[in-house]
Amino acid sequence: MMKIKTKLNLGFGLLFLLIFSLNLIGIKYITSLKKDTDNILSANYNTLLYTRNMLFFLDKRDPESLEKFDLNLHLQEKNITETGERESTEELRSHFEIFKSDLKNSAIEKR
């Protein structure tokens, strides 16, 4: 037969182990969420950077700028992370190919 003091010590010891293990599990999940968040923020920042560069190079409309636009579009195609981003990027690619093939079109002349 166990004494009450021994039962209390055993009970508190088990509670301590449970709380400690929950803390370890919580730390693991928080660390995982932080890594995922960092990756998402980095990918979104890159998307904004590529988009800003594409807008800048599109305004120039010289062959070198179009190559730089194409490079940034290619980088964006490798950086797809969000829902719907693939479709938007593919649509942009198709519009850009049409634009490249018809640079002398008067409807898109530089203003």
PDB file of N, CA and C in Angstrom:
ATOM      1  N   MET A   1       0.840  -1.180   0.000  1.00  0.00           N
ATOM      2  CA  MET A   1       0.000   0.000   0.000  1.00  0.00           C
ATOM      3  C   MET A   1       0.884   1.242   0.000  1.00  0.00           C
ATOM      4  N   MET A   2       0.528   2.192  -0.915  1.00  0.00           N
ATOM      5  CA  MET A   2       1.318   3.415  -1.069  1.00  0.00           C
ATOM      6  C   MET A   2       0.800   4.485  -0.120  1.00  0.00           C
ATOM      7  N   LYS A   3       1.726   5.296   0.348  1.00  0.00           N
ATOM      8  CA  LYS A   3       1.344   6.418   1.194  1.00  0.00           C
ATOM      9  C   LYS A   3       0.801   7.543   0.316  1.00  0.00           C
ATOM     10  N   ILE A   4       0.050   8.417   0.904  1.00  0.00           N
ATOM     11  CA  ILE A   4      -0.545   9.546   0.171  1.00  0.00           C
ATOM     12  C   ILE A   4       0.549  10.439  -0.408  1.00  0.00           C
ATOM     13  N   LYS A   5       1.617  10.633   0.349  1.00  0.00           N
ATOM     14  CA  LYS A   5       2.728  11.468  -0.122  1.00  0.00           C
ATOM     15  C   LYS A   5       3.329  10.869  -1.393  1.00  0.00           C
ATOM     16  N   THR A   6       3.492   9.569  -1.451  1.00  0.00           N
ATOM     17  CA  THR A   6       4.055   8.892  -2.626  1.00  0.00           C
ATOM     18  C   THR A   6       3.092   9.018  -3.808  1.00  0.00           C
ATOM     19  N   LYS A   7       1.793   8.848  -3.559  1.00  0.00           N
ATOM     20  CA  LYS A   7       0.808   8.988  -4.629  1.00  0.00           C
ATOM     21  C   LYS A   7       0.802  10.411  -5.197  1.00  0.00           C
ATOM     22  N   LEU A   8       0.877  11.406  -4.299  1.00  0.00           N
ATOM     23  CA  LEU A   8       0.915  12.799  -4.751  1.00  0.00           C
ATOM     24  C   LEU A   8       2.173  13.082  -5.569  1.00  0.00           C
ATOM     25  N   ASN A   9       3.309  12.608  -5.092  1.00  0.00           N
ATOM     26  CA  ASN A   9       4.564  12.805  -5.838  1.00  0.00           C
ATOM     27  C   ASN A   9       4.494  12.143  -7.213  1.00  0.00           C
ATOM     28  N   LEU A  10       3.939  10.934  -7.277  1.00  0.00           N
ATOM     29  CA  LEU A  10       3.799  10.229  -8.544  1.00  0.00           C
ATOM     30  C   LEU A  10       2.834  10.980  -9.472  1.00  0.00           C
ATOM     31  N   GLY A  11       1.732  11.446  -8.939  1.00  0.00           N
ATOM     32  CA  GLY A  11       0.755  12.204  -9.732  1.00  0.00           C
ATOM     33  C   GLY A  11       1.336  13.503 -10.263  1.00  0.00           C
ATOM     34  N   PHE A  12       2.024  14.265  -9.408  1.00  0.00           N
ATOM     35  CA  PHE A  12       2.660  15.503  -9.849  1.00  0.00           C
ATOM     36  C   PHE A  12       3.775  15.233 -10.851  1.00  0.00           C
ATOM     37  N   GLY A  13       4.486  14.149 -10.663  1.00  0.00           N
ATOM     38  CA  GLY A  13       5.539  13.783 -11.617  1.00  0.00           C
ATOM     39  C   GLY A  13       4.963  13.487 -12.994  1.00  0.00           C
ATOM     40  N   LEU A  14       3.859  12.740 -13.043  1.00  0.00           N
ATOM     41  CA  LEU A  14       3.215  12.447 -14.323  1.00  0.00           C
ATOM     42  C   LEU A  14       2.662  13.725 -14.976  1.00  0.00           C
ATOM     43  N   LEU A  15       2.048  14.588 -14.173  1.00  0.00           N
ATOM     44  CA  LEU A  15       1.564  15.850 -14.709  1.00  0.00           C
ATOM     45  C   LEU A  15       2.706  16.695 -15.258  1.00  0.00           C
ATOM     46  N   PHE A  16       3.828  16.721 -14.552  1.00  0.00           N
ATOM     47  CA  PHE A  16       4.990  17.461 -15.022  1.00  0.00           C
ATOM     48  C   PHE A  16       5.479  16.905 -16.353  1.00  0.00           C
ATOM     49  N   LEU A  17       5.544  15.579 -16.490  1.00  0.00           N
ATOM     50  CA  LEU A  17       5.973  14.964 -17.744  1.00  0.00           C
ATOM     51  C   LEU A  17       5.002  15.277 -18.883  1.00  0.00           C
ATOM     52  N   LEU A  18       3.703  15.252 -18.612  1.00  0.00           N
ATOM     53  CA  LEU A  18       2.714  15.591 -19.632  1.00  0.00           C
ATOM     54  C   LEU A  18       2.856  17.050 -20.090  1.00  0.00           C
ATOM     55  N   ILE A  19       2.984  17.951 -19.140  1.00  0.00           N
ATOM     56  CA  ILE A  19       3.132  19.371 -19.481  1.00  0.00           C
ATOM     57  C   ILE A  19       4.432  19.593 -20.251  1.00  0.00           C
ATOM     58  N   PHE A  20       5.491  18.957 -19.837  1.00  0.00           N
ATOM     59  CA  PHE A  20       6.779  19.089 -20.520  1.00  0.00           C
ATOM     60  C   PHE A  20       6.692  18.562 -21.959  1.00  0.00           C
ATOM     61  N   SER A  21       6.046  17.404 -22.135  1.00  0.00           N
ATOM     62  CA  SER A  21       5.919  16.845 -23.489  1.00  0.00           C
ATOM     63  C   SER A  21       5.026  17.731 -24.364  1.00  0.00           C
ATOM     64  N   LEU A  22       3.959  18.312 -23.804  1.00  0.00           N
ATOM     65  CA  LEU A  22       3.125  19.236 -24.565  1.00  0.00           C
ATOM     66  C   LEU A  22       3.905  20.483 -24.979  1.00  0.00           C
ATOM     67  N   ASN A  23       4.769  20.962 -24.105  1.00  0.00           N
ATOM     68  CA  ASN A  23       5.623  22.102 -24.449  1.00  0.00           C
ATOM     69  C   ASN A  23       6.550  21.758 -25.616  1.00  0.00           C
ATOM     70  N   LEU A  24       7.140  20.586 -25.590  1.00  0.00           N
ATOM     71  CA  LEU A  24       8.037  20.172 -26.677  1.00  0.00           C
ATOM     72  C   LEU A  24       7.278  20.062 -28.004  1.00  0.00           C
ATOM     73  N   ILE A  25       6.091  19.480 -27.954  1.00  0.00           N
ATOM     74  CA  ILE A  25       5.274  19.361 -29.168  1.00  0.00           C
ATOM     75  C   ILE A  25       4.878  20.753 -29.680  1.00  0.00           C
ATOM     76  N   GLY A  26       4.505  21.639 -28.778  1.00  0.00           N
ATOM     77  CA  GLY A  26       4.138  23.002 -29.159  1.00  0.00           C
ATOM     78  C   GLY A  26       5.301  23.744 -29.798  1.00  0.00           C
ATOM     79  N   ILE A  27       6.479  23.609 -29.229  1.00  0.00           N
ATOM     80  CA  ILE A  27       7.672  24.248 -29.785  1.00  0.00           C
ATOM     81  C   ILE A  27       7.953  23.724 -31.183  1.00  0.00           C
ATOM     82  N   LYS A  28       7.796  22.406 -31.368  1.00  0.00           N
ATOM     83  CA  LYS A  28       8.026  21.804 -32.692  1.00  0.00           C
ATOM     84  C   LYS A  28       7.081  22.395 -33.728  1.00  0.00           C
ATOM     85  N   TYR A  29       5.786  22.492 -33.399  1.00  0.00           N
ATOM     86  CA  TYR A  29       4.808  23.014 -34.341  1.00  0.00           C
ATOM     87  C   TYR A  29       4.999  24.501 -34.604  1.00  0.00           C
ATOM     88  N   ILE A  30       5.333  25.264 -33.598  1.00  0.00           N
ATOM     89  CA  ILE A  30       5.578  26.699 -33.781  1.00  0.00           C
ATOM     90  C   ILE A  30       6.790  26.920 -34.677  1.00  0.00           C
ATOM     91  N   THR A  31       7.835  26.145 -34.483  1.00  0.00           N
ATOM     92  CA  THR A  31       9.027  26.245 -35.337  1.00  0.00           C
ATOM     93  C   THR A  31       8.684  25.896 -36.777  1.00  0.00           C
ATOM     94  N   SER A  32       7.884  24.864 -36.963  1.00  0.00           N
ATOM     95  CA  SER A  32       7.465  24.467 -38.302  1.00  0.00           C
ATOM     96  C   SER A  32       6.640  25.568 -38.962  1.00  0.00           C
ATOM     97  N   LEU A  33       5.723  26.176 -38.223  1.00  0.00           N
ATOM     98  CA  LEU A  33       4.911  27.273 -38.748  1.00  0.00           C
ATOM     99  C   LEU A  33       5.774  28.473 -39.107  1.00  0.00           C
ATOM    100  N   LYS A  34       6.780  28.750 -38.297  1.00  0.00           N
ATOM    101  CA  LYS A  34       7.669  29.875 -38.574  1.00  0.00           C
ATOM    102  C   LYS A  34       8.425  29.658 -39.874  1.00  0.00           C
ATOM    103  N   LYS A  35       8.919  28.444 -40.090  1.00  0.00           N
ATOM    104  CA  LYS A  35       9.631  28.145 -41.336  1.00  0.00           C
ATOM    105  C   LYS A  35       8.707  28.284 -42.533  1.00  0.00           C
ATOM    106  N   ASP A  36       7.483  27.760 -42.417  1.00  0.00           N
ATOM    107  CA  ASP A  36       6.519  27.877 -43.509  1.00  0.00           C
ATOM    108  C   ASP A  36       6.186  29.338 -43.801  1.00  0.00           C
ATOM    109  N   THR A  37       5.998  30.117 -42.754  1.00  0.00           N
ATOM    110  CA  THR A  37       5.692  31.536 -42.908  1.00  0.00           C
ATOM    111  C   THR A  37       6.842  32.269 -43.577  1.00  0.00           C
ATOM    112  N   ASP A  38       8.059  31.979 -43.166  1.00  0.00           N
ATOM    113  CA  ASP A  38       9.225  32.605 -43.791  1.00  0.00           C
ATOM    114  C   ASP A  38       9.305  32.261 -45.275  1.00  0.00           C
ATOM    115  N   ASN A  39       9.033  31.008 -45.619  1.00  0.00           N
ATOM    116  CA  ASN A  39       9.064  30.599 -47.025  1.00  0.00           C
ATOM    117  C   ASN A  39       7.985  31.311 -47.835  1.00  0.00           C
ATOM    118  N   ILE A  40       6.800  31.423 -47.277  1.00  0.00           N
ATOM    119  CA  ILE A  40       5.697  32.092 -47.975  1.00  0.00           C
ATOM    120  C   ILE A  40       6.007  33.573 -48.167  1.00  0.00           C
ATOM    121  N   LEU A  41       6.488  34.228 -47.119  1.00  0.00           N
ATOM    122  CA  LEU A  41       6.825  35.649 -47.229  1.00  0.00           C
ATOM    123  C   LEU A  41       7.936  35.882 -48.243  1.00  0.00           C
ATOM    124  N   SER A  42       8.920  35.008 -48.254  1.00  0.00           N
ATOM    125  CA  SER A  42      10.020  35.127 -49.213  1.00  0.00           C
ATOM    126  C   SER A  42       9.511  34.961 -50.642  1.00  0.00           C
ATOM    127  N   ALA A  43       8.670  33.964 -50.864  1.00  0.00           N
ATOM    128  CA  ALA A  43       8.122  33.724 -52.208  1.00  0.00           C
ATOM    129  C   ALA A  43       7.244  34.897 -52.643  1.00  0.00           C
ATOM    130  N   ASN A  44       6.435  35.429 -51.734  1.00  0.00           N
ATOM    131  CA  ASN A  44       5.585  36.566 -52.080  1.00  0.00           C
ATOM    132  C   ASN A  44       6.416  37.812 -52.371  1.00  0.00           C
ATOM    133  N   TYR A  45       7.477  38.020 -51.608  1.00  0.00           N
ATOM    134  CA  TYR A  45       8.366  39.151 -51.872  1.00  0.00           C
ATOM    135  C   TYR A  45       9.000  39.011 -53.257  1.00  0.00           C
ATOM    136  N   ASN A  46       9.434  37.801 -53.596  1.00  0.00           N
ATOM    137  CA  ASN A  46      10.028  37.573 -54.912  1.00  0.00           C
ATOM    138  C   ASN A  46       9.019  37.836 -56.027  1.00  0.00           C
ATOM    139  N   THR A  47       7.772  37.421 -55.832  1.00  0.00           N
ATOM    140  CA  THR A  47       6.732  37.685 -56.815  1.00  0.00           C
ATOM    141  C   THR A  47       6.564  39.185 -57.027  1.00  0.00           C
ATOM    142  N   LEU A  48       6.524  39.943 -55.940  1.00  0.00           N
ATOM    143  CA  LEU A  48       6.398  41.395 -56.060  1.00  0.00           C
ATOM    144  C   LEU A  48       7.608  42.011 -56.758  1.00  0.00           C
ATOM    145  N   LEU A  49       8.788  41.506 -56.456  1.00  0.00           N
ATOM    146  CA  LEU A  49      10.011  42.002 -57.086  1.00  0.00           C
ATOM    147  C   LEU A  49       9.999  41.724 -58.591  1.00  0.00           C
ATOM    148  N   TYR A  50       9.657  40.503 -58.972  1.00  0.00           N
ATOM    149  CA  TYR A  50       9.617  40.155 -60.395  1.00  0.00           C
ATOM    150  C   TYR A  50       8.553  40.979 -61.125  1.00  0.00           C
ATOM    151  N   THR A  51       7.408  41.177 -60.498  1.00  0.00           N
ATOM    152  CA  THR A  51       6.336  41.944 -61.118  1.00  0.00           C
ATOM    153  C   THR A  51       6.746  43.398 -61.312  1.00  0.00           C
ATOM    154  N   ARG A  52       7.360  43.976 -60.299  1.00  0.00           N
ATOM    155  CA  ARG A  52       7.819  45.363 -60.417  1.00  0.00           C
ATOM    156  C   ARG A  52       8.861  45.493 -61.527  1.00  0.00           C
ATOM    157  N   ASN A  53       9.781  44.544 -61.604  1.00  0.00           N
ATOM    158  CA  ASN A  53      10.784  44.566 -62.670  1.00  0.00           C
ATOM    159  C   ASN A  53      10.133  44.434 -64.043  1.00  0.00           C
ATOM    160  N   MET A  54       9.141  43.538 -64.156  1.00  0.00           N
ATOM    161  CA  MET A  54       8.469  43.362 -65.444  1.00  0.00           C
ATOM    162  C   MET A  54       7.769  44.649 -65.878  1.00  0.00           C
ATOM    163  N   LEU A  55       7.106  45.326 -64.950  1.00  0.00           N
ATOM    164  CA  LEU A  55       6.458  46.595 -65.290  1.00  0.00           C
ATOM    165  C   LEU A  55       7.480  47.629 -65.750  1.00  0.00           C
ATOM    166  N   PHE A  56       8.598  47.690 -65.063  1.00  0.00           N
ATOM    167  CA  PHE A  56       9.649  48.642 -65.415  1.00  0.00           C
ATOM    168  C   PHE A  56      10.195  48.360 -66.811  1.00  0.00           C
ATOM    169  N   PHE A  57      10.499  47.105 -67.109  1.00  0.00           N
ATOM    170  CA  PHE A  57      11.074  46.763 -68.404  1.00  0.00           C
ATOM    171  C   PHE A  57      10.053  46.829 -69.536  1.00  0.00           C
ATOM    172  N   LEU A  58       8.808  46.615 -69.234  1.00  0.00           N
ATOM    173  CA  LEU A  58       7.771  46.671 -70.265  1.00  0.00           C
ATOM    174  C   LEU A  58       7.590  48.093 -70.782  1.00  0.00           C
ATOM    175  N   ASP A  59       7.774  49.074 -69.914  1.00  0.00           N
ATOM    176  CA  ASP A  59       7.622  50.474 -70.324  1.00  0.00           C
ATOM    177  C   ASP A  59       8.697  50.911 -71.316  1.00  0.00           C
ATOM    178  N   LYS A  60       9.856  50.280 -71.299  1.00  0.00           N
ATOM    179  CA  LYS A  60      10.956  50.686 -72.177  1.00  0.00           C
ATOM    180  C   LYS A  60      10.782  50.202 -73.607  1.00  0.00           C
ATOM    181  N   ARG A  61      10.300  49.006 -73.790  1.00  0.00           N
ATOM    182  CA  ARG A  61       9.996  48.410 -75.096  1.00  0.00           C
ATOM    183  C   ARG A  61      11.182  48.348 -76.062  1.00  0.00           C
ATOM    184  N   ASP A  62      12.374  48.200 -75.582  1.00  0.00           N
ATOM    185  CA  ASP A  62      13.499  47.935 -76.477  1.00  0.00           C
ATOM    186  C   ASP A  62      13.858  46.460 -76.352  1.00  0.00           C
ATOM    187  N   PRO A  63      14.603  45.908 -77.295  1.00  0.00           N
ATOM    188  CA  PRO A  63      14.891  44.454 -77.263  1.00  0.00           C
ATOM    189  C   PRO A  63      15.563  43.979 -75.980  1.00  0.00           C
ATOM    190  N   GLU A  64      16.478  44.767 -75.450  1.00  0.00           N
ATOM    191  CA  GLU A  64      17.168  44.370 -74.214  1.00  0.00           C
ATOM    192  C   GLU A  64      16.188  44.325 -73.036  1.00  0.00           C
ATOM    193  N   SER A  65      15.300  45.306 -72.970  1.00  0.00           N
ATOM    194  CA  SER A  65      14.306  45.330 -71.893  1.00  0.00           C
ATOM    195  C   SER A  65      13.330  44.170 -72.009  1.00  0.00           C
ATOM    196  N   LEU A  66      12.979  43.815 -73.240  1.00  0.00           N
ATOM    197  CA  LEU A  66      12.077  42.673 -73.422  1.00  0.00           C
ATOM    198  C   LEU A  66      12.741  41.375 -72.979  1.00  0.00           C
ATOM    199  N   GLU A  67      14.046  41.262 -73.191  1.00  0.00           N
ATOM    200  CA  GLU A  67      14.764  40.077 -72.700  1.00  0.00           C
ATOM    201  C   GLU A  67      14.765  40.040 -71.181  1.00  0.00           C
ATOM    202  N   LYS A  68      14.950  41.203 -70.557  1.00  0.00           N
ATOM    203  CA  LYS A  68      14.926  41.264 -69.088  1.00  0.00           C
ATOM    204  C   LYS A  68      13.524  40.978 -68.555  1.00  0.00           C
ATOM    205  N   PHE A  69      12.507  41.456 -69.278  1.00  0.00           N
ATOM    206  CA  PHE A  69      11.131  41.137 -68.912  1.00  0.00           C
ATOM    207  C   PHE A  69      10.929  39.625 -68.957  1.00  0.00           C
ATOM    208  N   ASP A  70      11.397  39.015 -70.047  1.00  0.00           N
ATOM    209  CA  ASP A  70      11.262  37.568 -70.227  1.00  0.00           C
ATOM    210  C   ASP A  70      11.988  36.806 -69.118  1.00  0.00           C
ATOM    211  N   LEU A  71      13.154  37.288 -68.723  1.00  0.00           N
ATOM    212  CA  LEU A  71      13.906  36.653 -67.632  1.00  0.00           C
ATOM    213  C   LEU A  71      13.115  36.713 -66.327  1.00  0.00           C
ATOM    214  N   ASN A  72      12.552  37.894 -66.015  1.00  0.00           N
ATOM    215  CA  ASN A  72      11.761  38.023 -64.782  1.00  0.00           C
ATOM    216  C   ASN A  72      10.497  37.185 -64.836  1.00  0.00           C
ATOM    217  N   LEU A  73       9.892  37.084 -66.010  1.00  0.00           N
ATOM    218  CA  LEU A  73       8.712  36.232 -66.158  1.00  0.00           C
ATOM    219  C   LEU A  73       9.088  34.767 -65.960  1.00  0.00           C
ATOM    220  N   HIS A  74      10.237  34.375 -66.488  1.00  0.00           N
ATOM    221  CA  HIS A  74      10.711  32.999 -66.304  1.00  0.00           C
ATOM    222  C   HIS A  74      10.967  32.715 -64.813  1.00  0.00           C
ATOM    223  N   LEU A  75      11.561  33.668 -64.109  1.00  0.00           N
ATOM    224  CA  LEU A  75      11.791  33.501 -62.663  1.00  0.00           C
ATOM    225  C   LEU A  75      10.459  33.382 -61.922  1.00  0.00           C
ATOM    226  N   GLN A  76       9.481  34.173 -62.339  1.00  0.00           N
ATOM    227  CA  GLN A  76       8.163  34.097 -61.707  1.00  0.00           C
ATOM    228  C   GLN A  76       7.507  32.744 -61.966  1.00  0.00           C
ATOM    229  N   GLU A  77       7.699  32.196 -63.156  1.00  0.00           N
ATOM    230  CA  GLU A  77       7.115  30.890 -63.467  1.00  0.00           C
ATOM    231  C   GLU A  77       7.679  29.793 -62.562  1.00  0.00           C
ATOM    232  N   LYS A  78       8.883  29.979 -62.061  1.00  0.00           N
ATOM    233  CA  LYS A  78       9.481  29.010 -61.126  1.00  0.00           C
ATOM    234  C   LYS A  78       9.095  29.294 -59.674  1.00  0.00           C
ATOM    235  N   ASN A  79       8.430  30.422 -59.436  1.00  0.00           N
ATOM    236  CA  ASN A  79       8.148  30.886 -58.078  1.00  0.00           C
ATOM    237  C   ASN A  79       6.663  30.805 -57.737  1.00  0.00           C
ATOM    238  N   ILE A  80       5.938  29.899 -58.334  1.00  0.00           N
ATOM    239  CA  ILE A  80       4.491  29.819 -58.122  1.00  0.00           C
ATOM    240  C   ILE A  80       4.202  29.107 -56.801  1.00  0.00           C
ATOM    241  N   THR A  81       3.504  29.817 -55.902  1.00  0.00           N
ATOM    242  CA  THR A  81       3.223  29.254 -54.579  1.00  0.00           C
ATOM    243  C   THR A  81       1.755  29.379 -54.180  1.00  0.00           C
ATOM    244  N   GLU A  82       1.050  30.353 -54.726  1.00  0.00           N
ATOM    245  CA  GLU A  82      -0.312  30.633 -54.284  1.00  0.00           C
ATOM    246  C   GLU A  82      -1.346  30.045 -55.248  1.00  0.00           C
ATOM    247  N   THR A  83      -2.553  29.873 -54.751  1.00  0.00           N
ATOM    248  CA  THR A  83      -3.661  29.394 -55.571  1.00  0.00           C
ATOM    249  C   THR A  83      -3.991  30.439 -56.629  1.00  0.00           C
ATOM    250  N   GLY A  84      -4.103  30.000 -57.880  1.00  0.00           N
ATOM    251  CA  GLY A  84      -4.436  30.905 -58.967  1.00  0.00           C
ATOM    252  C   GLY A  84      -3.251  31.616 -59.582  1.00  0.00           C
ATOM    253  N   GLU A  85      -2.101  31.520 -58.934  1.00  0.00           N
ATOM    254  CA  GLU A  85      -0.905  32.207 -59.434  1.00  0.00           C
ATOM    255  C   GLU A  85      -0.407  31.573 -60.729  1.00  0.00           C
ATOM    256  N   ARG A  86      -0.536  30.263 -60.841  1.00  0.00           N
ATOM    257  CA  ARG A  86      -0.094  29.572 -62.060  1.00  0.00           C
ATOM    258  C   ARG A  86      -0.908  30.039 -63.259  1.00  0.00           C
ATOM    259  N   GLU A  87      -2.225  30.130 -63.121  1.00  0.00           N
ATOM    260  CA  GLU A  87      -3.078  30.548 -64.217  1.00  0.00           C
ATOM    261  C   GLU A  87      -2.768  31.979 -64.647  1.00  0.00           C
ATOM    262  N   SER A  88      -2.574  32.860 -63.670  1.00  0.00           N
ATOM    263  CA  SER A  88      -2.257  34.254 -63.981  1.00  0.00           C
ATOM    264  C   SER A  88      -0.913  34.369 -64.696  1.00  0.00           C
ATOM    265  N   THR A  89       0.056  33.594 -64.238  1.00  0.00           N
ATOM    266  CA  THR A  89       1.378  33.636 -64.860  1.00  0.00           C
ATOM    267  C   THR A  89       1.331  33.071 -66.275  1.00  0.00           C
ATOM    268  N   GLU A  90       0.579  31.998 -66.478  1.00  0.00           N
ATOM    269  CA  GLU A  90       0.446  31.432 -67.824  1.00  0.00           C
ATOM    270  C   GLU A  90      -0.262  32.415 -68.758  1.00  0.00           C
ATOM    271  N   GLU A  91      -1.267  33.108 -68.241  1.00  0.00           N
ATOM    272  CA  GLU A  91      -1.968  34.104 -69.051  1.00  0.00           C
ATOM    273  C   GLU A  91      -1.030  35.258 -69.417  1.00  0.00           C
ATOM    274  N   LEU A  92      -0.220  35.685 -68.459  1.00  0.00           N
ATOM    275  CA  LEU A  92       0.758  36.730 -68.726  1.00  0.00           C
ATOM    276  C   LEU A  92       1.758  36.281 -69.781  1.00  0.00           C
ATOM    277  N   ARG A  93       2.196  35.029 -69.702  1.00  0.00           N
ATOM    278  CA  ARG A  93       3.134  34.500 -70.689  1.00  0.00           C
ATOM    279  C   ARG A  93       2.511  34.525 -72.091  1.00  0.00           C
ATOM    280  N   SER A  94       1.275  34.099 -72.206  1.00  0.00           N
ATOM    281  CA  SER A  94       0.634  34.076 -73.525  1.00  0.00           C
ATOM    282  C   SER A  94       0.462  35.492 -74.072  1.00  0.00           C
ATOM    283  N   HIS A  95       0.086  36.447 -73.217  1.00  0.00           N
ATOM    284  CA  HIS A  95      -0.054  37.834 -73.660  1.00  0.00           C
ATOM    285  C   HIS A  95       1.307  38.421 -74.054  1.00  0.00           C
ATOM    286  N   PHE A  96       2.333  38.066 -73.325  1.00  0.00           N
ATOM    287  CA  PHE A  96       3.666  38.569 -73.638  1.00  0.00           C
ATOM    288  C   PHE A  96       4.153  38.024 -74.979  1.00  0.00           C
ATOM    289  N   GLU A  97       3.874  36.764 -75.248  1.00  0.00           N
ATOM    290  CA  GLU A  97       4.279  36.184 -76.535  1.00  0.00           C
ATOM    291  C   GLU A  97       3.561  36.887 -77.694  1.00  0.00           C
ATOM    292  N   ILE A  98       2.299  37.210 -77.512  1.00  0.00           N
ATOM    293  CA  ILE A  98       1.555  37.958 -78.534  1.00  0.00           C
ATOM    294  C   ILE A  98       2.161  39.355 -78.693  1.00  0.00           C
ATOM    295  N   PHE A  99       2.458  39.976 -77.579  1.00  0.00           N
ATOM    296  CA  PHE A  99       3.060  41.313 -77.588  1.00  0.00           C
ATOM    297  C   PHE A  99       4.403  41.302 -78.312  1.00  0.00           C
ATOM    298  N   LYS A 100       5.235  40.312 -78.033  1.00  0.00           N
ATOM    299  CA  LYS A 100       6.554  40.224 -78.683  1.00  0.00           C
ATOM    300  C   LYS A 100       6.419  40.036 -80.188  1.00  0.00           C
ATOM    301  N   SER A 101       5.451  39.268 -80.606  1.00  0.00           N
ATOM    302  CA  SER A 101       5.314  38.982 -82.029  1.00  0.00           C
ATOM    303  C   SER A 101       4.741  40.163 -82.810  1.00  0.00           C
ATOM    304  N   ASP A 102       4.146  41.120 -82.115  1.00  0.00           N
ATOM    305  CA  ASP A 102       3.494  42.239 -82.805  1.00  0.00           C
ATOM    306  C   ASP A 102       3.907  43.577 -82.180  1.00  0.00           C
ATOM    307  N   LEU A 103       5.212  43.819 -82.062  1.00  0.00           N
ATOM    308  CA  LEU A 103       5.705  45.041 -81.428  1.00  0.00           C
ATOM    309  C   LEU A 103       5.344  46.307 -82.191  1.00  0.00           C
ATOM    310  N   LYS A 104       5.146  46.219 -83.505  1.00  0.00           N
ATOM    311  CA  LYS A 104       4.876  47.398 -84.329  1.00  0.00           C
ATOM    312  C   LYS A 104       3.396  47.733 -84.412  1.00  0.00           C
ATOM    313  N   ASN A 105       2.558  47.005 -83.679  1.00  0.00           N
ATOM    314  CA  ASN A 105       1.120  47.249 -83.696  1.00  0.00           C
ATOM    315  C   ASN A 105       0.840  48.659 -83.178  1.00  0.00           C
ATOM    316  N   SER A 106       0.063  49.433 -83.930  1.00  0.00           N
ATOM    317  CA  SER A 106      -0.206  50.812 -83.550  1.00  0.00           C
ATOM    318  C   SER A 106      -1.073  50.916 -82.300  1.00  0.00           C
ATOM    319  N   ALA A 107      -1.813  49.870 -81.980  1.00  0.00           N
ATOM    320  CA  ALA A 107      -2.673  49.888 -80.791  1.00  0.00           C
ATOM    321  C   ALA A 107      -1.877  49.864 -79.503  1.00  0.00           C
ATOM    322  N   ILE A 108      -0.614  49.407 -79.578  1.00  0.00           N
ATOM    323  CA  ILE A 108       0.197  49.331 -78.360  1.00  0.00           C
ATOM    324  C   ILE A 108       1.426  50.229 -78.457  1.00  0.00           C
ATOM    325  N   GLU A 109       1.369  51.225 -79.300  1.00  0.00           N
ATOM    326  CA  GLU A 109       2.511  52.131 -79.422  1.00  0.00           C
ATOM    327  C   GLU A 109       2.755  52.842 -78.109  1.00  0.00           C
ATOM    328  N   LYS A 110       4.018  53.218 -77.941  1.00  0.00           N
ATOM    329  CA  LYS A 110       4.427  53.933 -76.744  1.00  0.00           C
ATOM    330  C   LYS A 110       3.799  55.322 -76.745  1.00  0.00           C
ATOM    331  N   ARG A 111       3.233  55.724 -75.624  1.00  0.00           N
ATOM    332  CA  ARG A 111       2.570  57.025 -75.538  1.00  0.00           C
ATOM    333  C   ARG A 111       3.496  58.046 -74.923  1.00  0.00           C
TER     334      ARG A 111
END
